[in-house]
Amino acid sequence: MARETEPAQAPAADPAPSAPQAAPQPAAPAANTAPTAAHTLVGILELGDRSAALFEIDGVARRIYVGESIGASGWTLAEIKNQEAVIRKGGDVRSVFVGQKF
């Protein structure tokens, strides 16, 4: 009797190794749209009605009079008293002394 032979089956090839999946990277923190440069109070000029403060803005000392905005920071020089500058932004009020940054 003739023996029926089944065709030899080739061994199943291992599927091609897939490229390793990169772990998802955490999202970078959103960039703050406000300028990040700190302003530094470098001097006070107590001159009565003409009082002013010297602020370093972008590396340049600028004279800011009471009532004026301090660069593009959104802060306004509200008052000069007792060798301190009182600054205001909205409802927030701060006292800044020579050498301090805000």
PDB file of N, CA and C in Angstrom:
ATOM      1  N   MET A   1       0.839  -1.132   0.000  1.00  0.00           N
ATOM      2  CA  MET A   1       0.000   0.000   0.000  1.00  0.00           C
ATOM      3  C   MET A   1       0.898   1.212   0.000  1.00  0.00           C
ATOM      4  N   ALA A   2       0.461   2.169  -0.730  1.00  0.00           N
ATOM      5  CA  ALA A   2       1.268   3.374  -0.850  1.00  0.00           C
ATOM      6  C   ALA A   2       0.964   4.285   0.327  1.00  0.00           C
ATOM      7  N   ARG A   3       2.004   4.762   0.818  1.00  0.00           N
ATOM      8  CA  ARG A   3       1.827   5.614   1.980  1.00  0.00           C
ATOM      9  C   ARG A   3       1.722   7.058   1.541  1.00  0.00           C
ATOM     10  N   GLU A   4       0.695   7.672   2.004  1.00  0.00           N
ATOM     11  CA  GLU A   4       0.524   9.073   1.648  1.00  0.00           C
ATOM     12  C   GLU A   4       1.363   9.897   2.603  1.00  0.00           C
ATOM     13  N   THR A   5       2.105  10.732   1.990  1.00  0.00           N
ATOM     14  CA  THR A   5       2.931  11.597   2.838  1.00  0.00           C
ATOM     15  C   THR A   5       2.394  13.016   2.773  1.00  0.00           C
ATOM     16  N   GLU A   6       2.398  13.576   3.847  1.00  0.00           N
ATOM     17  CA  GLU A   6       1.977  14.966   3.881  1.00  0.00           C
ATOM     18  C   GLU A   6       3.185  15.829   3.587  1.00  0.00           C
ATOM     19  N   PRO A   7       2.961  16.912   2.887  1.00  0.00           N
ATOM     20  CA  PRO A   7       4.106  17.774   2.606  1.00  0.00           C
ATOM     21  C   PRO A   7       4.686  18.277   3.927  1.00  0.00           C
ATOM     22  N   ALA A   8       5.983  18.351   3.967  1.00  0.00           N
ATOM     23  CA  ALA A   8       6.654  18.824   5.179  1.00  0.00           C
ATOM     24  C   ALA A   8       6.343  20.306   5.384  1.00  0.00           C
ATOM     25  N   GLN A   9       6.004  20.596   6.577  1.00  0.00           N
ATOM     26  CA  GLN A   9       5.703  22.001   6.871  1.00  0.00           C
ATOM     27  C   GLN A   9       6.956  22.657   7.421  1.00  0.00           C
ATOM     28  N   ALA A  10       7.204  23.825   6.893  1.00  0.00           N
ATOM     29  CA  ALA A  10       8.356  24.586   7.392  1.00  0.00           C
ATOM     30  C   ALA A  10       8.001  25.100   8.785  1.00  0.00           C
ATOM     31  N   PRO A  11       9.007  25.125   9.648  1.00  0.00           N
ATOM     32  CA  PRO A  11       8.694  25.648  10.986  1.00  0.00           C
ATOM     33  C   PRO A  11       8.215  27.100  10.874  1.00  0.00           C
ATOM     34  N   ALA A  12       7.260  27.425  11.697  1.00  0.00           N
ATOM     35  CA  ALA A  12       6.707  28.781  11.668  1.00  0.00           C
ATOM     36  C   ALA A  12       7.800  29.765  12.058  1.00  0.00           C
ATOM     37  N   ALA A  13       7.951  30.755  11.242  1.00  0.00           N
ATOM     38  CA  ALA A  13       8.970  31.778  11.519  1.00  0.00           C
ATOM     39  C   ALA A  13       8.470  32.675  12.637  1.00  0.00           C
ATOM     40  N   ASP A  14       9.387  33.033  13.527  1.00  0.00           N
ATOM     41  CA  ASP A  14       9.021  33.976  14.584  1.00  0.00           C
ATOM     42  C   ASP A  14       8.684  35.309  13.934  1.00  0.00           C
ATOM     43  N   PRO A  15       7.656  35.935  14.408  1.00  0.00           N
ATOM     44  CA  PRO A  15       7.349  37.242  13.835  1.00  0.00           C
ATOM     45  C   PRO A  15       8.539  38.173  14.048  1.00  0.00           C
ATOM     46  N   ALA A  16       8.731  39.061  13.093  1.00  0.00           N
ATOM     47  CA  ALA A  16       9.861  39.996  13.190  1.00  0.00           C
ATOM     48  C   ALA A  16       9.746  40.767  14.487  1.00  0.00           C
ATOM     49  N   PRO A  17      10.849  40.872  15.202  1.00  0.00           N
ATOM     50  CA  PRO A  17      10.764  41.612  16.465  1.00  0.00           C
ATOM     51  C   PRO A  17      10.399  43.068  16.172  1.00  0.00           C
ATOM     52  N   SER A  18       9.441  43.550  16.910  1.00  0.00           N
ATOM     53  CA  SER A  18       9.029  44.933  16.696  1.00  0.00           C
ATOM     54  C   SER A  18       9.993  45.865  17.415  1.00  0.00           C
ATOM     55  N   ALA A  19      10.063  47.046  16.905  1.00  0.00           N
ATOM     56  CA  ALA A  19      10.938  48.039  17.535  1.00  0.00           C
ATOM     57  C   ALA A  19      10.415  48.297  18.938  1.00  0.00           C
ATOM     58  N   PRO A  20      11.333  48.460  19.892  1.00  0.00           N
ATOM     59  CA  PRO A  20      10.861  48.716  21.256  1.00  0.00           C
ATOM     60  C   PRO A  20      10.051  50.007  21.294  1.00  0.00           C
ATOM     61  N   GLN A  21       8.974  49.946  22.013  1.00  0.00           N
ATOM     62  CA  GLN A  21       8.110  51.115  22.134  1.00  0.00           C
ATOM     63  C   GLN A  21       8.749  52.098  23.115  1.00  0.00           C
ATOM     64  N   ALA A  22       8.853  53.328  22.683  1.00  0.00           N
ATOM     65  CA  ALA A  22       9.399  54.360  23.566  1.00  0.00           C
ATOM     66  C   ALA A  22       8.362  54.667  24.635  1.00  0.00           C
ATOM     67  N   ALA A  23       8.845  54.788  25.840  1.00  0.00           N
ATOM     68  CA  ALA A  23       7.934  55.134  26.930  1.00  0.00           C
ATOM     69  C   ALA A  23       7.405  56.536  26.686  1.00  0.00           C
ATOM     70  N   PRO A  24       6.144  56.754  26.940  1.00  0.00           N
ATOM     71  CA  PRO A  24       5.616  58.104  26.720  1.00  0.00           C
ATOM     72  C   PRO A  24       6.351  59.109  27.598  1.00  0.00           C
ATOM     73  N   GLN A  25       6.730  60.200  26.997  1.00  0.00           N
ATOM     74  CA  GLN A  25       7.438  61.248  27.729  1.00  0.00           C
ATOM     75  C   GLN A  25       6.419  62.145  28.413  1.00  0.00           C
ATOM     76  N   PRO A  26       6.713  62.554  29.646  1.00  0.00           N
ATOM     77  CA  PRO A  26       5.777  63.469  30.301  1.00  0.00           C
ATOM     78  C   PRO A  26       5.755  64.789  29.537  1.00  0.00           C
ATOM     79  N   ALA A  27       4.609  65.381  29.495  1.00  0.00           N
ATOM     80  CA  ALA A  27       4.463  66.648  28.778  1.00  0.00           C
ATOM     81  C   ALA A  27       5.268  67.724  29.491  1.00  0.00           C
ATOM     82  N   ALA A  28       5.915  68.551  28.697  1.00  0.00           N
ATOM     83  CA  ALA A  28       6.674  69.664  29.274  1.00  0.00           C
ATOM     84  C   ALA A  28       5.689  70.647  29.876  1.00  0.00           C
ATOM     85  N   PRO A  29       6.072  71.301  30.976  1.00  0.00           N
ATOM     86  CA  PRO A  29       5.160  72.275  31.558  1.00  0.00           C
ATOM     87  C   PRO A  29       4.867  73.377  30.546  1.00  0.00           C
ATOM     88  N   ALA A  30       3.659  73.858  30.586  1.00  0.00           N
ATOM     89  CA  ALA A  30       3.267  74.925  29.660  1.00  0.00           C
ATOM     90  C   ALA A  30       4.083  76.168  29.953  1.00  0.00           C
ATOM     91  N   ALA A  31       4.518  76.813  28.900  1.00  0.00           N
ATOM     92  CA  ALA A  31       5.306  78.025  29.069  1.00  0.00           C
ATOM     93  C   ALA A  31       4.413  79.134  29.612  1.00  0.00           C
ATOM     94  N   ASN A  32       4.949  79.838  30.567  1.00  0.00           N
ATOM     95  CA  ASN A  32       4.220  80.955  31.135  1.00  0.00           C
ATOM     96  C   ASN A  32       4.248  82.101  30.136  1.00  0.00           C
ATOM     97  N   THR A  33       3.120  82.698  29.852  1.00  0.00           N
ATOM     98  CA  THR A  33       3.083  83.761  28.864  1.00  0.00           C
ATOM     99  C   THR A  33       3.585  85.078  29.428  1.00  0.00           C
ATOM    100  N   ALA A  34       3.633  85.182  30.739  1.00  0.00           N
ATOM    101  CA  ALA A  34       4.143  86.406  31.330  1.00  0.00           C
ATOM    102  C   ALA A  34       5.662  86.393  31.283  1.00  0.00           C
ATOM    103  N   PRO A  35       6.243  87.569  31.178  1.00  0.00           N
ATOM    104  CA  PRO A  35       7.694  87.607  31.171  1.00  0.00           C
ATOM    105  C   PRO A  35       8.242  87.061  32.472  1.00  0.00           C
ATOM    106  N   THR A  36       9.350  86.350  32.380  1.00  0.00           N
ATOM    107  CA  THR A  36       9.926  85.760  33.563  1.00  0.00           C
ATOM    108  C   THR A  36      11.079  86.559  34.125  1.00  0.00           C
ATOM    109  N   ALA A  37      11.447  87.614  33.446  1.00  0.00           N
ATOM    110  CA  ALA A  37      12.564  88.422  33.909  1.00  0.00           C
ATOM    111  C   ALA A  37      12.186  89.097  35.220  1.00  0.00           C
ATOM    112  N   ALA A  38      13.064  88.962  36.190  1.00  0.00           N
ATOM    113  CA  ALA A  38      12.825  89.606  37.475  1.00  0.00           C
ATOM    114  C   ALA A  38      13.288  91.054  37.396  1.00  0.00           C
ATOM    115  N   HIS A  39      12.555  91.910  38.034  1.00  0.00           N
ATOM    116  CA  HIS A  39      12.928  93.311  38.123  1.00  0.00           C
ATOM    117  C   HIS A  39      13.539  93.517  39.506  1.00  0.00           C
ATOM    118  N   THR A  40      14.593  94.322  39.572  1.00  0.00           N
ATOM    119  CA  THR A  40      15.288  94.560  40.826  1.00  0.00           C
ATOM    120  C   THR A  40      15.227  96.039  41.165  1.00  0.00           C
ATOM    121  N   LEU A  41      14.874  96.340  42.403  1.00  0.00           N
ATOM    122  CA  LEU A  41      14.909  97.724  42.870  1.00  0.00           C
ATOM    123  C   LEU A  41      16.357  98.048  43.199  1.00  0.00           C
ATOM    124  N   VAL A  42      16.921  99.034  42.504  1.00  0.00           N
ATOM    125  CA  VAL A  42      18.334  99.368  42.716  1.00  0.00           C
ATOM    126  C   VAL A  42      18.523 100.708  43.417  1.00  0.00           C
ATOM    127  N   GLY A  43      17.459 101.490  43.549  1.00  0.00           N
ATOM    128  CA  GLY A  43      17.609 102.767  44.241  1.00  0.00           C
ATOM    129  C   GLY A  43      16.279 103.457  44.466  1.00  0.00           C
ATOM    130  N   ILE A  44      16.285 104.381  45.438  1.00  0.00           N
ATOM    131  CA  ILE A  44      15.093 105.158  45.797  1.00  0.00           C
ATOM    132  C   ILE A  44      15.476 106.628  45.740  1.00  0.00           C
ATOM    133  N   LEU A  45      14.621 107.447  45.163  1.00  0.00           N
ATOM    134  CA  LEU A  45      14.802 108.895  45.157  1.00  0.00           C
ATOM    135  C   LEU A  45      13.599 109.506  45.857  1.00  0.00           C
ATOM    136  N   GLU A  46      13.763 109.874  47.119  1.00  0.00           N
ATOM    137  CA  GLU A  46      12.657 110.485  47.863  1.00  0.00           C
ATOM    138  C   GLU A  46      12.738 111.984  47.661  1.00  0.00           C
ATOM    139  N   LEU A  47      11.887 112.474  46.758  1.00  0.00           N
ATOM    140  CA  LEU A  47      11.911 113.890  46.384  1.00  0.00           C
ATOM    141  C   LEU A  47      10.528 114.518  46.492  1.00  0.00           C
ATOM    142  N   GLY A  48       9.762 114.117  47.473  1.00  0.00           N
ATOM    143  CA  GLY A  48       8.425 114.677  47.644  1.00  0.00           C
ATOM    144  C   GLY A  48       7.535 114.301  46.472  1.00  0.00           C
ATOM    145  N   ASP A  49       6.994 115.326  45.772  1.00  0.00           N
ATOM    146  CA  ASP A  49       6.095 115.081  44.647  1.00  0.00           C
ATOM    147  C   ASP A  49       6.797 114.405  43.472  1.00  0.00           C
ATOM    148  N   ARG A  50       8.094 114.506  43.400  1.00  0.00           N
ATOM    149  CA  ARG A  50       8.866 113.943  42.271  1.00  0.00           C
ATOM    150  C   ARG A  50       9.606 112.671  42.687  1.00  0.00           C
ATOM    151  N   SER A  51       9.153 111.976  43.711  1.00  0.00           N
ATOM    152  CA  SER A  51       9.809 110.746  44.158  1.00  0.00           C
ATOM    153  C   SER A  51       9.777 109.706  43.045  1.00  0.00           C
ATOM    154  N   ALA A  52      10.838 108.920  43.005  1.00  0.00           N
ATOM    155  CA  ALA A  52      10.952 107.897  41.970  1.00  0.00           C
ATOM    156  C   ALA A  52      11.758 106.734  42.526  1.00  0.00           C
ATOM    157  N   ALA A  53      11.736 105.652  41.783  1.00  0.00           N
ATOM    158  CA  ALA A  53      12.534 104.475  42.141  1.00  0.00           C
ATOM    159  C   ALA A  53      13.318 104.067  40.907  1.00  0.00           C
ATOM    160  N   LEU A  54      14.488 103.516  41.131  1.00  0.00           N
ATOM    161  CA  LEU A  54      15.299 102.996  40.036  1.00  0.00           C
ATOM    162  C   LEU A  54      15.161 101.482  40.025  1.00  0.00           C
ATOM    163  N   PHE A  55      14.630 100.960  38.937  1.00  0.00           N
ATOM    164  CA  PHE A  55      14.453  99.525  38.770  1.00  0.00           C
ATOM    165  C   PHE A  55      15.337  99.049  37.633  1.00  0.00           C
ATOM    166  N   GLU A  56      15.989  97.927  37.830  1.00  0.00           N
ATOM    167  CA  GLU A  56      16.738  97.309  36.742  1.00  0.00           C
ATOM    168  C   GLU A  56      15.763  96.442  35.951  1.00  0.00           C
ATOM    169  N   ILE A  57      15.576  96.825  34.690  1.00  0.00           N
ATOM    170  CA  ILE A  57      14.651  96.129  33.797  1.00  0.00           C
ATOM    171  C   ILE A  57      15.440  95.719  32.565  1.00  0.00           C
ATOM    172  N   ASP A  58      15.512  94.426  32.299  1.00  0.00           N
ATOM    173  CA  ASP A  58      16.273  93.899  31.161  1.00  0.00           C
ATOM    174  C   ASP A  58      17.718  94.386  31.183  1.00  0.00           C
ATOM    175  N   GLY A  59      18.302  94.445  32.368  1.00  0.00           N
ATOM    176  CA  GLY A  59      19.703  94.816  32.505  1.00  0.00           C
ATOM    177  C   GLY A  59      19.980  96.307  32.464  1.00  0.00           C
ATOM    178  N   VAL A  60      18.936  97.129  32.394  1.00  0.00           N
ATOM    179  CA  VAL A  60      19.101  98.582  32.318  1.00  0.00           C
ATOM    180  C   VAL A  60      18.362  99.231  33.483  1.00  0.00           C
ATOM    181  N   ALA A  61      19.039 100.143  34.197  1.00  0.00           N
ATOM    182  CA  ALA A  61      18.386 100.861  35.293  1.00  0.00           C
ATOM    183  C   ALA A  61      17.479 101.931  34.708  1.00  0.00           C
ATOM    184  N   ARG A  62      16.222 101.920  35.140  1.00  0.00           N
ATOM    185  CA  ARG A  62      15.241 102.889  34.633  1.00  0.00           C
ATOM    186  C   ARG A  62      14.580 103.606  35.807  1.00  0.00           C
ATOM    187  N   ARG A  63      14.385 104.897  35.639  1.00  0.00           N
ATOM    188  CA  ARG A  63      13.720 105.691  36.669  1.00  0.00           C
ATOM    189  C   ARG A  63      12.223 105.602  36.443  1.00  0.00           C
ATOM    190  N   ILE A  64      11.518 105.177  37.478  1.00  0.00           N
ATOM    191  CA  ILE A  64      10.064 105.047  37.418  1.00  0.00           C
ATOM    192  C   ILE A  64       9.483 105.995  38.465  1.00  0.00           C
ATOM    193  N   TYR A  65       8.611 106.895  38.018  1.00  0.00           N
ATOM    194  CA  TYR A  65       7.968 107.832  38.927  1.00  0.00           C
ATOM    195  C   TYR A  65       6.696 107.208  39.509  1.00  0.00           C
ATOM    196  N   VAL A  66       6.268 107.729  40.651  1.00  0.00           N
ATOM    197  CA  VAL A  66       5.039 107.258  41.294  1.00  0.00           C
ATOM    198  C   VAL A  66       3.892 107.373  40.285  1.00  0.00           C
ATOM    199  N   GLY A  67       3.138 106.274  40.154  1.00  0.00           N
ATOM    200  CA  GLY A  67       2.010 106.224  39.225  1.00  0.00           C
ATOM    201  C   GLY A  67       2.354 105.579  37.896  1.00  0.00           C
ATOM    202  N   GLU A  68       3.635 105.359  37.603  1.00  0.00           N
ATOM    203  CA  GLU A  68       4.035 104.760  36.331  1.00  0.00           C
ATOM    204  C   GLU A  68       4.133 103.244  36.435  1.00  0.00           C
ATOM    205  N   SER A  69       3.983 102.593  35.287  1.00  0.00           N
ATOM    206  CA  SER A  69       4.143 101.135  35.206  1.00  0.00           C
ATOM    207  C   SER A  69       5.619 100.786  35.253  1.00  0.00           C
ATOM    208  N   ILE A  70       5.910  99.643  35.835  1.00  0.00           N
ATOM    209  CA  ILE A  70       7.291  99.171  35.943  1.00  0.00           C
ATOM    210  C   ILE A  70       7.531  98.184  34.817  1.00  0.00           C
ATOM    211  N   GLY A  71       8.075  98.680  33.716  1.00  0.00           N
ATOM    212  CA  GLY A  71       8.307  97.839  32.543  1.00  0.00           C
ATOM    213  C   GLY A  71       6.999  97.214  32.084  1.00  0.00           C
ATOM    214  N   ALA A  72       7.098  95.962  31.626  1.00  0.00           N
ATOM    215  CA  ALA A  72       5.913  95.222  31.170  1.00  0.00           C
ATOM    216  C   ALA A  72       5.446  94.233  32.229  1.00  0.00           C
ATOM    217  N   SER A  73       5.816  94.465  33.489  1.00  0.00           N
ATOM    218  CA  SER A  73       5.508  93.527  34.568  1.00  0.00           C
ATOM    219  C   SER A  73       4.050  93.561  35.000  1.00  0.00           C
ATOM    220  N   GLY A  74       3.361  94.651  34.693  1.00  0.00           N
ATOM    221  CA  GLY A  74       1.990  94.801  35.177  1.00  0.00           C
ATOM    222  C   GLY A  74       1.923  95.494  36.528  1.00  0.00           C
ATOM    223  N   TRP A  75       3.075  95.694  37.178  1.00  0.00           N
ATOM    224  CA  TRP A  75       3.140  96.379  38.468  1.00  0.00           C
ATOM    225  C   TRP A  75       3.253  97.877  38.240  1.00  0.00           C
ATOM    226  N   THR A  76       2.704  98.655  39.166  1.00  0.00           N
ATOM    227  CA  THR A  76       2.766 100.113  39.135  1.00  0.00           C
ATOM    228  C   THR A  76       3.406 100.588  40.429  1.00  0.00           C
ATOM    229  N   LEU A  77       4.256 101.600  40.311  1.00  0.00           N
ATOM    230  CA  LEU A  77       4.853 102.190  41.506  1.00  0.00           C
ATOM    231  C   LEU A  77       3.778 103.045  42.171  1.00  0.00           C
ATOM    232  N   ALA A  78       3.341 102.635  43.353  1.00  0.00           N
ATOM    233  CA  ALA A  78       2.240 103.306  44.034  1.00  0.00           C
ATOM    234  C   ALA A  78       2.724 104.401  44.967  1.00  0.00           C
ATOM    235  N   GLU A  79       3.884 104.172  45.623  1.00  0.00           N
ATOM    236  CA  GLU A  79       4.312 105.116  46.660  1.00  0.00           C
ATOM    237  C   GLU A  79       5.777 104.866  46.989  1.00  0.00           C
ATOM    238  N   ILE A  80       6.452 105.931  47.416  1.00  0.00           N
ATOM    239  CA  ILE A  80       7.813 105.836  47.954  1.00  0.00           C
ATOM    240  C   ILE A  80       7.726 106.348  49.387  1.00  0.00           C
ATOM    241  N   LYS A  81       8.167 105.528  50.340  1.00  0.00           N
ATOM    242  CA  LYS A  81       8.168 105.971  51.740  1.00  0.00           C
ATOM    243  C   LYS A  81       9.200 105.177  52.519  1.00  0.00           C
ATOM    244  N   ASN A  82       9.884 105.844  53.413  1.00  0.00           N
ATOM    245  CA  ASN A  82      10.845 105.196  54.326  1.00  0.00           C
ATOM    246  C   ASN A  82      11.813 104.260  53.600  1.00  0.00           C
ATOM    247  N   GLN A  83      12.369 104.733  52.515  1.00  0.00           N
ATOM    248  CA  GLN A  83      13.355 103.957  51.747  1.00  0.00           C
ATOM    249  C   GLN A  83      12.809 102.621  51.217  1.00  0.00           C
ATOM    250  N   GLU A  84      11.518 102.597  50.916  1.00  0.00           N
ATOM    251  CA  GLU A  84      10.913 101.424  50.294  1.00  0.00           C
ATOM    252  C   GLU A  84       9.976 101.872  49.177  1.00  0.00           C
ATOM    253  N   ALA A  85       9.830 101.014  48.192  1.00  0.00           N
ATOM    254  CA  ALA A  85       8.907 101.277  47.090  1.00  0.00           C
ATOM    255  C   ALA A  85       7.674 100.406  47.311  1.00  0.00           C
ATOM    256  N   VAL A  86       6.525 101.018  47.261  1.00  0.00           N
ATOM    257  CA  VAL A  86       5.269 100.278  47.378  1.00  0.00           C
ATOM    258  C   VAL A  86       4.750 100.103  45.959  1.00  0.00           C
ATOM    259  N   ILE A  87       4.580  98.832  45.556  1.00  0.00           N
ATOM    260  CA  ILE A  87       4.125  98.543  44.198  1.00  0.00           C
ATOM    261  C   ILE A  87       2.766  97.862  44.258  1.00  0.00           C
ATOM    262  N   ARG A  88       1.996  98.009  43.165  1.00  0.00           N
ATOM    263  CA  ARG A  88       0.620  97.496  43.154  1.00  0.00           C
ATOM    264  C   ARG A  88       0.337  96.856  41.804  1.00  0.00           C
ATOM    265  N   LYS A  89      -0.345  95.724  41.858  1.00  0.00           N
ATOM    266  CA  LYS A  89      -0.812  95.036  40.652  1.00  0.00           C
ATOM    267  C   LYS A  89      -2.187  94.480  40.980  1.00  0.00           C
ATOM    268  N   GLY A  90      -3.213  95.091  40.397  1.00  0.00           N
ATOM    269  CA  GLY A  90      -4.573  94.688  40.749  1.00  0.00           C
ATOM    270  C   GLY A  90      -4.796  94.977  42.221  1.00  0.00           C
ATOM    271  N   GLY A  91      -5.217  93.997  42.978  1.00  0.00           N
ATOM    272  CA  GLY A  91      -5.427  94.159  44.414  1.00  0.00           C
ATOM    273  C   GLY A  91      -4.218  93.781  45.252  1.00  0.00           C
ATOM    274  N   ASP A  92      -3.135  93.342  44.596  1.00  0.00           N
ATOM    275  CA  ASP A  92      -1.932  92.908  45.304  1.00  0.00           C
ATOM    276  C   ASP A  92      -1.013  94.104  45.539  1.00  0.00           C
ATOM    277  N   VAL A  93      -0.559  94.302  46.772  1.00  0.00           N
ATOM    278  CA  VAL A  93       0.324  95.406  47.137  1.00  0.00           C
ATOM    279  C   VAL A  93       1.544  94.814  47.821  1.00  0.00           C
ATOM    280  N   ARG A  94       2.721  95.278  47.413  1.00  0.00           N
ATOM    281  CA  ARG A  94       3.968  94.789  48.022  1.00  0.00           C
ATOM    282  C   ARG A  94       4.886  95.959  48.346  1.00  0.00           C
ATOM    283  N   SER A  95       5.705  95.762  49.352  1.00  0.00           N
ATOM    284  CA  SER A  95       6.787  96.692  49.661  1.00  0.00           C
ATOM    285  C   SER A  95       8.075  96.056  49.171  1.00  0.00           C
ATOM    286  N   VAL A  96       8.866  96.832  48.460  1.00  0.00           N
ATOM    287  CA  VAL A  96      10.124  96.332  47.913  1.00  0.00           C
ATOM    288  C   VAL A  96      11.234  97.237  48.434  1.00  0.00           C
ATOM    289  N   PHE A  97      12.320  96.615  48.911  1.00  0.00           N
ATOM    290  CA  PHE A  97      13.462  97.358  49.417  1.00  0.00           C
ATOM    291  C   PHE A  97      14.608  97.245  48.436  1.00  0.00           C
ATOM    292  N   VAL A  98      15.553  98.162  48.496  1.00  0.00           N
ATOM    293  CA  VAL A  98      16.685  98.171  47.582  1.00  0.00           C
ATOM    294  C   VAL A  98      17.381  96.809  47.628  1.00  0.00           C
ATOM    295  N   GLY A  99      17.617  96.268  46.447  1.00  0.00           N
ATOM    296  CA  GLY A  99      18.268  94.964  46.315  1.00  0.00           C
ATOM    297  C   GLY A  99      17.289  93.810  46.099  1.00  0.00           C
ATOM    298  N   GLN A 100      16.009  94.028  46.387  1.00  0.00           N
ATOM    299  CA  GLN A 100      15.024  92.973  46.227  1.00  0.00           C
ATOM    300  C   GLN A 100      14.544  92.870  44.788  1.00  0.00           C
ATOM    301  N   LYS A 101      14.180  91.642  44.401  1.00  0.00           N
ATOM    302  CA  LYS A 101      13.599  91.380  43.087  1.00  0.00           C
ATOM    303  C   LYS A 101      12.121  91.073  43.243  1.00  0.00           C
ATOM    304  N   PHE A 102      11.407  91.323  42.197  1.00  0.00           N
ATOM    305  CA  PHE A 102       9.985  90.933  42.184  1.00  0.00           C
ATOM    306  C   PHE A 102       9.622  90.479  40.800  1.00  0.00           C
TER     307      PHE A 102
END
